[in-house]
C-alpha cells in the first residue's frame, strides 16, 4: 500500500510522529547517565524500576481508554501531556532550577502519557486500514522509528551535554505542537458500537480485573508461559541498550580517535561514542529487518530463537571486554543481529500458538515479556555497584543463555502438545 493512498490521519501522524521520535531519541538514551550521576547508580536503578511500574499500569489501561474515549482524544491528550511533562523536566534542568527529583517525576509522567498514546495509535491503524495492508503500514511506521533512532542519538551526542535544557524545551514544544496538529487535522476513528459496548461493561477497574483474569487463564498454556519466561530473561540483555550500556560507556570509554587520515583525526568524546553505537543499531535495524527476517524464515523457529539468545550472550561479553570504539561498534553489530534474528518470527510463532478466537488475548499476554523486562531491567544499573561491572555483564550473559535453554524446552513442550492434538 503506497503512502499516497493512505488515510489522511496516517499521513499526518507519520510526519508528526517522525519529528517527535527524532526529538525524543536526542535525549532519552542519555537519561540513564543523568539519573545515575544525580542519584547514584543504586538509587537510579531502583527509581527507574519504580517509574516503569506506572508505565506498565498505563499500558494495561491504554487499550481500554482508546476504545472508551476515542483514539484521537487519547492521542491528543497524551501528546500535550508529554509536552507539559517535558516542560517540567526542562525547568528542572534550567539555569534557574536544578532539581533531579522534579526531573524524575516529570520523566515518569511523560512515560505514562507515552503508554496511553501507543495503544490508541495502533488501534487507529486497524480502524482505517484493511487487514491485508496493515503489515505494510506498520512496517513503514516501524522504519520511521528506526530512522529516528539513527538521527536522534547522533544529534543528541552533539547537543545533549551542553544544551540539555534547550533540548527538553524543544521536545516540549514539539509534543504540544503535535497535539494541536492532531486536533486540527485528524478525525476520530473508533467504532461507535465498540465504545457503546465498553460503556455497558462497567467501570475501568472491572475491565482491568477481567484483563488480569484473562492473563491468568492464558498462562496456563505451558508453551506460552515458557515463551514469556524466555523472553523476559533474554530481555534483560537487549533492554540494556539504553540503560546499562550508556552508563558503562560513560564510565569507561575515554576520548579517542574514530578516524585518522594523515595528520588529521576525528576525535570523539565518551558520550558521543554511545550516540554512534546507538545510531548504528537503528541504522542496521532499518536496513536489514526485512532481509534478516526472510533469511531466518528458512530455518526452524526453535533453532533461531535459541541461537538469538546465544548471540545476545556473545555480544554482551564483547561489550564488557572492550573500551575501544571499534570494538564497541563490533559488539553492537552482533547485538543488533541477535535482535533481528527473532524480531519477525516471534510474532508469527504467537499467531501459530494462539487459538483463532483468542489471538488478541495471546498477543497481549505475549507482550508481557517486554513489559516485565522493561520493569526489572533497570536493576542492572545498581547491580554494578553491588557486584561490579564484570559480574553484572556475566550475569546478563548467563540470563541470555538460560533463555536459550527455555526456548529449547518450550519447543519440546509445543511439539508434544501439537502431536497430542494431531493424534
Protein backbone atom coordinates (compact mmCIF):
# COMPACT_ATOMS: atom_id res chain seq x y z
CA UNK A 1 0.00 0.00 0.00
CA UNK A 2 1.56 3.30 -1.13
CA UNK A 3 1.75 6.22 1.27
CA UNK A 4 -0.16 8.46 -1.14
CA UNK A 5 -3.10 6.04 -0.82
CA UNK A 6 -3.12 6.24 2.97
CA UNK A 7 -5.91 7.74 5.03
CA UNK A 8 -5.20 11.42 5.84
CA UNK A 9 -4.97 10.55 9.55
CA UNK A 10 -1.98 8.30 8.91
CA UNK A 11 -0.17 10.78 6.65
CA UNK A 12 -0.40 13.48 9.32
CA UNK A 13 0.74 11.07 12.01
CA UNK A 14 3.70 9.76 10.01
CA UNK A 15 5.21 13.24 9.68
CA UNK A 16 4.30 14.41 13.19
CA UNK A 17 5.49 11.26 14.94
CA UNK A 18 8.76 11.24 12.98
CA UNK A 19 9.54 14.68 14.41
CA UNK A 20 8.57 13.58 17.93
CA UNK A 21 10.67 10.41 17.69
CA UNK A 22 13.78 12.22 16.45
CA UNK A 23 13.45 14.75 19.27
CA UNK A 24 12.84 12.00 21.83
CA UNK A 25 15.92 10.00 20.81
CA UNK A 26 18.07 13.12 21.05
CA UNK A 27 17.90 12.99 24.84
CA UNK A 28 16.27 9.73 26.02
CA UNK A 29 19.34 7.43 25.62
CA UNK A 30 21.36 9.75 27.85
CA UNK A 31 18.86 9.91 30.73
CA UNK A 32 20.18 6.81 32.48
CA UNK A 33 23.55 8.61 32.64
CA UNK A 34 21.84 11.73 34.01
CA UNK A 35 19.94 9.88 36.74
CA UNK A 36 23.00 7.77 37.67
CA UNK A 37 25.06 10.94 38.10
CA UNK A 38 22.38 12.74 40.10
CA UNK A 39 21.13 9.93 42.35
CA UNK A 40 23.93 7.39 42.27
CA UNK A 41 23.67 4.10 40.41
CA UNK A 42 21.88 2.16 43.15
CA UNK A 43 19.11 4.67 43.68
CA UNK A 44 18.81 5.50 39.96
CA UNK A 45 18.17 1.86 39.01
CA UNK A 46 15.52 1.42 41.68
CA UNK A 47 13.83 4.67 40.69
CA UNK A 48 13.75 3.62 37.04
CA UNK A 49 12.08 0.34 38.07
CA UNK A 50 9.54 2.37 40.05
CA UNK A 51 8.80 4.63 37.06
CA UNK A 52 8.27 1.62 34.79
CA UNK A 53 5.60 0.21 37.10
CA UNK A 54 3.44 3.26 36.38
CA UNK A 55 4.02 2.85 32.64
CA UNK A 56 3.03 -0.83 32.86
CA UNK A 57 -0.27 0.04 34.55
CA UNK A 58 -0.91 2.79 32.00
CA UNK A 59 -0.18 0.36 29.16
CA UNK A 60 -2.68 -2.15 30.56
CA UNK A 61 -5.37 0.53 30.54
CA UNK A 62 -4.33 2.24 27.30
CA UNK A 63 -6.38 -0.01 25.05
CA UNK A 64 -9.48 0.41 27.21
CA UNK A 65 -9.19 4.21 27.24
CA UNK A 66 -8.64 4.26 23.45
CA UNK A 67 -11.87 2.29 22.94
CA UNK A 68 -13.87 4.14 25.58
CA UNK A 69 -12.83 7.75 24.93
CA UNK A 70 -11.58 7.59 21.35
CA UNK A 71 -8.27 7.21 19.52
CA UNK A 72 -7.93 10.86 18.61
CA UNK A 73 -8.82 12.15 22.06
CA UNK A 74 -6.29 9.88 23.80
CA UNK A 75 -3.54 10.72 21.29
CA UNK A 76 -4.12 14.45 21.68
CA UNK A 77 -4.24 14.16 25.47
CA UNK A 78 -1.08 12.03 25.52
CA UNK A 79 0.87 14.37 23.20
CA UNK A 80 0.02 17.51 25.16
CA UNK A 81 0.58 15.66 28.45
CA UNK A 82 4.03 14.56 27.29
CA UNK A 83 4.79 18.12 26.18
CA UNK A 84 3.87 19.56 29.58
CA UNK A 85 5.91 16.82 31.31
CA UNK A 86 8.97 17.65 29.22
CA UNK A 87 8.41 21.33 30.01
CA UNK A 88 8.64 20.49 33.72
CA UNK A 89 11.72 18.36 33.01
CA UNK A 90 13.31 21.28 31.16
CA UNK A 91 12.55 23.58 34.09
CA UNK A 92 14.22 21.04 36.41
CA UNK A 93 17.41 21.26 34.28
CA UNK A 94 17.28 25.01 33.61
CA UNK A 95 19.72 27.80 34.50
CA UNK A 96 17.20 28.85 37.19
CA UNK A 97 16.50 25.49 38.82
CA UNK A 98 18.41 22.23 39.20
CA UNK A 99 16.07 19.59 40.63
CA UNK A 100 16.73 15.96 39.60
CA UNK A 101 13.71 14.83 41.66
CA UNK A 102 11.38 17.10 39.68
CA UNK A 103 13.06 15.81 36.53
CA UNK A 104 12.45 12.21 37.55
CA UNK A 105 8.77 12.84 38.35
CA UNK A 106 8.33 14.62 35.00
CA UNK A 107 10.07 11.75 33.18
CA UNK A 108 7.76 9.23 34.89
CA UNK A 109 4.62 11.19 33.97
CA UNK A 110 5.85 11.52 30.38
CA UNK A 111 6.25 7.72 30.27
CA UNK A 112 2.67 7.26 31.47
CA UNK A 113 1.36 9.53 28.72
CA UNK A 114 3.50 7.66 26.18
CA UNK A 115 1.86 4.41 27.32
CA UNK A 116 -1.55 5.97 26.70
CA UNK A 117 -0.55 7.12 23.20
CA UNK A 118 0.75 3.82 21.85
CA UNK A 119 -2.41 1.61 22.01
CA UNK A 120 -4.57 4.41 20.55
CA UNK A 121 -2.15 4.94 17.66
CA UNK A 122 -2.04 1.21 16.86
CA UNK A 123 -5.83 0.93 17.06
CA UNK A 124 -6.26 3.86 14.67
CA UNK A 125 -4.25 1.99 12.02
CA UNK A 126 -6.54 -1.03 12.43
CA UNK A 127 -9.58 1.28 12.14
CA UNK A 128 -8.65 2.87 8.81
CA UNK A 129 -6.53 0.24 7.01
CA UNK A 130 -7.74 -3.04 5.52
CA UNK A 131 -6.31 -6.14 7.14
CA UNK A 132 -4.28 -7.13 4.08
CA UNK A 133 -2.44 -3.77 4.10
CA UNK A 134 -1.83 -3.34 7.83
CA UNK A 135 1.54 -5.08 7.89
CA UNK A 136 2.87 -2.66 5.26
CA UNK A 137 1.61 0.37 7.19
CA UNK A 138 3.04 -0.87 10.50
CA UNK A 139 6.34 -1.61 8.75
CA UNK A 140 6.60 1.97 7.47
CA UNK A 141 5.90 3.40 10.93
CA UNK A 142 8.47 0.96 12.37
CA UNK A 143 11.03 2.06 9.79
CA UNK A 144 10.30 5.70 10.66
CA UNK A 145 11.05 4.98 14.31
CA UNK A 146 14.36 3.36 13.42
CA UNK A 147 15.35 6.27 11.21
CA UNK A 148 14.74 8.45 14.28
CA UNK A 149 16.98 6.10 16.29
CA UNK A 150 19.72 6.80 13.74
CA UNK A 151 19.35 10.58 13.57
CA UNK A 152 18.35 11.35 17.17
CA UNK A 153 21.35 9.92 19.08
CA UNK A 154 23.83 11.50 16.66
CA UNK A 155 22.28 14.93 17.21
CA UNK A 156 21.96 14.19 20.92
CA UNK A 157 25.64 13.28 21.25
CA UNK A 158 26.44 16.73 19.83
CA UNK A 159 23.94 18.84 21.78
CA UNK A 160 22.83 16.95 24.90
CA UNK A 161 25.77 17.63 27.24
CA UNK A 162 25.88 21.38 26.63
CA UNK A 163 22.23 22.06 25.82
CA UNK A 164 20.08 19.63 27.84
CA UNK A 165 17.67 22.40 28.91
CA UNK A 166 17.20 23.59 25.32
CA UNK A 167 16.68 20.02 24.06
CA UNK A 168 14.00 19.29 26.64
CA UNK A 169 12.31 22.62 25.96
CA UNK A 170 12.33 21.84 22.23
CA UNK A 171 10.84 18.39 22.94
CA UNK A 172 8.07 20.01 24.98
CA UNK A 173 7.22 22.44 22.17
CA UNK A 174 7.24 19.66 19.55
CA UNK A 175 4.90 17.39 21.57
CA UNK A 176 2.42 20.19 22.28
CA UNK A 177 2.55 21.21 18.62
CA UNK A 178 1.85 17.62 17.56
CA UNK A 179 -1.14 17.54 19.92
CA UNK A 180 -2.53 20.67 18.25
CA UNK A 181 -1.87 19.24 14.78
CA UNK A 182 -3.72 16.02 15.67
CA UNK A 183 -6.60 18.12 17.00
CA UNK A 184 -6.96 20.08 13.76
CA UNK A 185 -6.06 17.59 11.01
CA UNK A 186 -7.21 14.18 12.22
CA UNK A 187 -10.65 12.72 12.85
CA UNK A 188 -11.99 10.18 15.33
CA UNK A 189 -11.99 6.57 14.06
CA UNK A 190 -13.20 4.46 16.99
CA UNK A 191 -16.20 2.30 16.00
CA UNK A 192 -19.26 3.58 17.83
CA UNK A 193 -20.50 0.09 18.63
CA UNK A 194 -17.22 -0.72 20.38
CA UNK A 195 -17.43 2.42 22.53
CA UNK A 196 -21.05 1.63 23.37
CA UNK A 197 -20.24 -1.94 24.37
CA UNK A 198 -17.49 -0.74 26.72
CA UNK A 199 -19.84 1.81 28.28
CA UNK A 200 -22.22 -1.01 29.16
CA UNK A 201 -19.49 -3.21 30.63
CA UNK A 202 -18.91 -1.09 33.72
CA UNK A 203 -16.05 0.85 35.26
CA UNK A 204 -12.43 0.77 34.18
CA UNK A 205 -11.35 -1.30 37.21
CA UNK A 206 -13.77 -4.07 36.18
CA UNK A 207 -12.07 -4.10 32.79
CA UNK A 208 -8.63 -4.27 34.43
CA UNK A 209 -9.74 -7.15 36.66
CA UNK A 210 -11.14 -9.04 33.67
CA UNK A 211 -7.93 -8.46 31.74
CA UNK A 212 -5.81 -9.84 34.58
CA UNK A 213 -8.08 -12.91 34.80
CA UNK A 214 -7.61 -13.43 31.05
CA UNK A 215 -3.85 -13.38 31.54
CA UNK A 216 -4.01 -16.00 34.31
CA UNK A 217 -6.08 -18.28 32.07
CA UNK A 218 -3.75 -17.86 29.12
CA UNK A 219 -0.53 -18.56 31.00
CA UNK A 220 -1.91 -21.99 31.85
CA UNK A 221 -0.77 -22.74 28.30
CA UNK A 222 2.70 -24.10 29.18
CA UNK A 223 4.18 -23.21 25.81
CA UNK A 224 3.10 -19.57 26.09
CA UNK A 225 4.29 -19.41 29.69
CA UNK A 226 7.75 -20.69 28.70
CA UNK A 227 7.77 -18.24 25.77
CA UNK A 228 7.11 -15.33 28.14
CA UNK A 229 9.70 -16.53 30.67
CA UNK A 230 12.35 -16.97 27.98
CA UNK A 231 11.52 -13.54 26.57
CA UNK A 232 11.88 -11.92 29.99
CA UNK A 233 15.33 -13.47 30.51
CA UNK A 234 16.50 -12.51 27.02
CA UNK A 235 15.01 -9.06 27.56
CA UNK A 236 17.42 -8.41 30.43
CA UNK A 237 20.11 -8.29 27.75
CA UNK A 238 18.52 -6.26 24.96
CA UNK A 239 16.81 -3.80 27.33
CA UNK A 240 20.27 -2.65 28.46
CA UNK A 241 20.71 -0.79 25.18
CA UNK A 242 19.53 2.46 26.79
CA UNK A 243 20.14 1.53 30.46
CA UNK A 244 23.43 -0.13 31.39
CA UNK A 245 25.35 0.31 28.13
CA UNK A 246 25.31 4.15 28.12
CA UNK A 247 26.38 4.24 31.80
CA UNK A 248 29.17 1.73 31.09
CA UNK A 249 30.42 3.72 28.08
CA UNK A 250 30.33 6.97 30.06
CA UNK A 251 32.35 5.43 32.91
CA UNK A 252 34.99 3.58 30.89
CA UNK A 253 35.27 4.91 27.34
CA UNK A 254 37.59 7.89 27.07
CA UNK A 255 38.10 10.40 24.27
CA UNK A 256 39.63 8.62 21.29
CA UNK A 257 40.12 8.82 17.57
CA UNK A 258 37.43 7.42 15.30
CA UNK A 259 39.27 8.03 12.02
CA UNK A 260 42.84 9.08 11.29
CA UNK A 261 43.93 10.26 7.85
CA UNK A 262 47.49 11.52 7.73
CA UNK A 263 47.87 14.24 10.35
CA UNK A 264 44.10 14.70 10.67
CA UNK A 265 41.98 12.66 13.07
CA UNK A 266 38.35 12.76 14.13
CA UNK A 267 38.29 12.62 17.92
CA UNK A 268 35.10 11.91 19.84
CA UNK A 269 34.10 12.06 23.50
CA UNK A 270 32.74 9.17 25.55
CA UNK A 271 29.14 10.43 25.39
CA UNK A 272 29.41 10.71 21.61
CA UNK A 273 30.59 7.09 21.39
CA UNK A 274 27.26 5.94 22.78
CA UNK A 275 25.40 8.15 20.30
CA UNK A 276 27.34 6.50 17.47
CA UNK A 277 26.72 2.88 18.55
CA UNK A 278 23.03 3.57 19.22
CA UNK A 279 22.68 5.19 15.78
CA UNK A 280 24.41 2.11 14.35
CA UNK A 281 21.73 -0.08 15.93
CA UNK A 282 18.92 2.00 14.44
CA UNK A 283 20.55 2.08 11.01
CA UNK A 284 21.12 -1.69 10.89
CA UNK A 285 17.55 -2.37 12.04
CA UNK A 286 16.14 -0.01 9.40
CA UNK A 287 18.24 -1.54 6.62
CA UNK A 288 18.27 -5.23 7.49
CA UNK A 289 14.99 -6.13 9.25
CA UNK A 290 13.25 -7.48 6.14
CA UNK A 291 16.34 -9.26 4.82
CA UNK A 292 17.25 -10.98 8.09
CA UNK A 293 13.61 -11.94 8.76
CA UNK A 294 13.37 -13.64 5.35
CA UNK A 295 16.72 -15.34 5.91
CA UNK A 296 15.73 -16.66 9.34
CA UNK A 297 12.36 -17.77 7.94
CA UNK A 298 14.16 -20.63 6.18
CA UNK A 299 15.04 -22.26 9.50
CA UNK A 300 13.10 -23.93 12.28
CA UNK A 301 12.00 -21.36 14.88
CA UNK A 302 13.50 -23.36 17.75
CA UNK A 303 16.99 -23.02 16.30
CA UNK A 304 16.52 -19.31 15.50
CA UNK A 305 15.19 -18.36 18.95
CA UNK A 306 17.87 -20.39 20.73
CA UNK A 307 20.71 -19.05 18.59
CA UNK A 308 19.43 -15.49 19.00
CA UNK A 309 19.82 -15.76 22.78
CA UNK A 310 23.32 -17.22 22.40
CA UNK A 311 24.32 -14.35 20.09
CA UNK A 312 22.97 -11.86 22.66
CA UNK A 313 25.23 -13.52 25.26
CA UNK A 314 28.24 -13.23 22.94
CA UNK A 315 27.57 -9.54 22.26
CA UNK A 316 27.24 -8.67 25.94
CA UNK A 317 30.57 -10.39 26.72
CA UNK A 318 32.28 -8.39 23.95
CA UNK A 319 30.78 -5.17 25.35
CA UNK A 320 32.23 -5.98 28.77
CA UNK A 321 35.73 -6.66 27.43
CA UNK A 322 36.41 -3.58 25.30
CA UNK A 323 36.71 0.18 25.75
CA UNK A 324 37.81 0.70 22.13
CA UNK A 325 35.22 2.38 19.91
CA UNK A 326 35.61 -0.09 17.04
CA UNK A 327 35.26 -2.97 19.49
CA UNK A 328 32.01 -1.41 20.72
CA UNK A 329 30.83 -0.98 17.13
CA UNK A 330 31.51 -4.69 16.51
CA UNK A 331 29.66 -5.63 19.71
CA UNK A 332 26.66 -3.52 18.65
CA UNK A 333 26.60 -5.15 15.20
CA UNK A 334 26.43 -8.61 16.85
CA UNK A 335 23.85 -7.33 19.36
CA UNK A 336 21.67 -5.98 16.54
CA UNK A 337 21.92 -9.23 14.59
CA UNK A 338 20.60 -11.08 17.65
CA UNK A 339 17.73 -8.57 17.85
CA UNK A 340 16.81 -9.03 14.18
CA UNK A 341 17.00 -12.81 14.19
CA UNK A 342 13.80 -13.27 16.15
CA UNK A 343 12.05 -9.94 15.56
CA UNK A 344 9.76 -11.11 12.76
CA UNK A 345 9.46 -14.79 13.63
CA UNK A 346 8.29 -14.34 17.22
CA UNK A 347 5.03 -12.63 16.26
CA UNK A 348 4.39 -15.37 13.71
CA UNK A 349 5.01 -18.03 16.36
CA UNK A 350 2.45 -16.41 18.70
CA UNK A 351 -0.16 -16.43 15.93
CA UNK A 352 0.61 -20.12 15.33
CA UNK A 353 0.30 -20.86 19.04
CA UNK A 354 -2.96 -18.97 19.66
CA UNK A 355 -6.44 -20.41 19.10
CA UNK A 356 -8.18 -18.36 16.40
CA UNK A 357 -10.78 -16.90 18.79
CA UNK A 358 -8.09 -15.84 21.33
CA UNK A 359 -5.41 -14.29 19.13
CA UNK A 360 -5.82 -10.80 20.53
CA UNK A 361 -5.51 -12.06 24.09
CA UNK A 362 -2.49 -14.22 23.23
CA UNK A 363 -0.68 -11.28 21.63
CA UNK A 364 -1.48 -9.15 24.67
CA UNK A 365 -0.17 -11.85 27.01
CA UNK A 366 2.94 -12.40 24.85
CA UNK A 367 3.73 -8.68 25.11
CA UNK A 368 4.21 -9.24 28.85
CA UNK A 369 7.74 -10.41 28.04
CA UNK A 370 8.58 -6.82 27.08
CA UNK A 371 6.53 -5.25 29.86
CA UNK A 372 8.16 -7.33 32.61
CA UNK A 373 11.62 -6.97 31.05
CA UNK A 374 11.31 -3.19 30.94
CA UNK A 375 10.25 -3.14 34.57
CA UNK A 376 13.14 -5.14 36.05
CA UNK A 377 15.95 -4.37 33.55
CA UNK A 378 16.99 -1.11 35.32
CA UNK A 379 18.19 -3.23 38.26
CA UNK A 380 21.34 -3.87 36.19
CA UNK A 381 22.50 -0.31 36.99
CA UNK A 382 22.63 -0.70 40.81
CA UNK A 383 23.98 -4.22 40.29
CA UNK A 384 27.22 -2.64 39.00
CA UNK A 385 27.63 -1.10 42.46
CA UNK A 386 26.77 -4.30 44.33
CA UNK A 387 28.88 -6.79 42.32
CA UNK A 388 30.86 -4.68 39.81
CA UNK A 389 30.57 -4.24 36.05
CA UNK A 390 32.25 -7.54 35.12
CA UNK A 391 29.90 -9.68 37.19
CA UNK A 392 26.89 -7.67 36.02
CA UNK A 393 27.75 -8.43 32.39
CA UNK A 394 28.43 -12.09 33.23
CA UNK A 395 25.03 -12.37 34.95
CA UNK A 396 23.33 -10.85 31.88
CA UNK A 397 25.22 -13.34 29.72
CA UNK A 398 24.02 -16.24 31.90
CA UNK A 399 20.42 -14.97 31.72
CA UNK A 400 20.63 -14.90 27.91
CA UNK A 401 21.97 -18.47 27.87
CA UNK A 402 19.21 -19.52 30.29
CA UNK A 403 16.65 -18.06 27.88
CA UNK A 404 18.17 -20.22 25.12
CA UNK A 405 17.54 -23.28 27.28
CA UNK A 406 13.96 -22.21 27.97
CA UNK A 407 13.30 -21.71 24.25
CA UNK A 408 14.54 -25.24 23.61
CA UNK A 409 12.28 -26.59 26.37
CA UNK A 410 9.37 -24.53 25.04
CA UNK A 411 9.56 -26.17 21.63
CA UNK A 412 9.79 -29.61 23.23
CA UNK A 413 6.51 -28.89 25.07
CA UNK A 414 4.99 -27.31 21.96
CA UNK A 415 5.76 -30.35 19.80
CA UNK A 416 4.30 -32.69 22.43
CA UNK A 417 1.10 -30.60 22.58
CA UNK A 418 0.82 -30.50 18.80
CA UNK A 419 1.39 -34.23 18.38
CA UNK A 420 -1.26 -34.92 21.04
CA UNK A 421 -3.77 -32.72 19.18
CA UNK A 422 -2.92 -34.38 15.85
CA UNK A 423 -3.48 -37.84 17.30
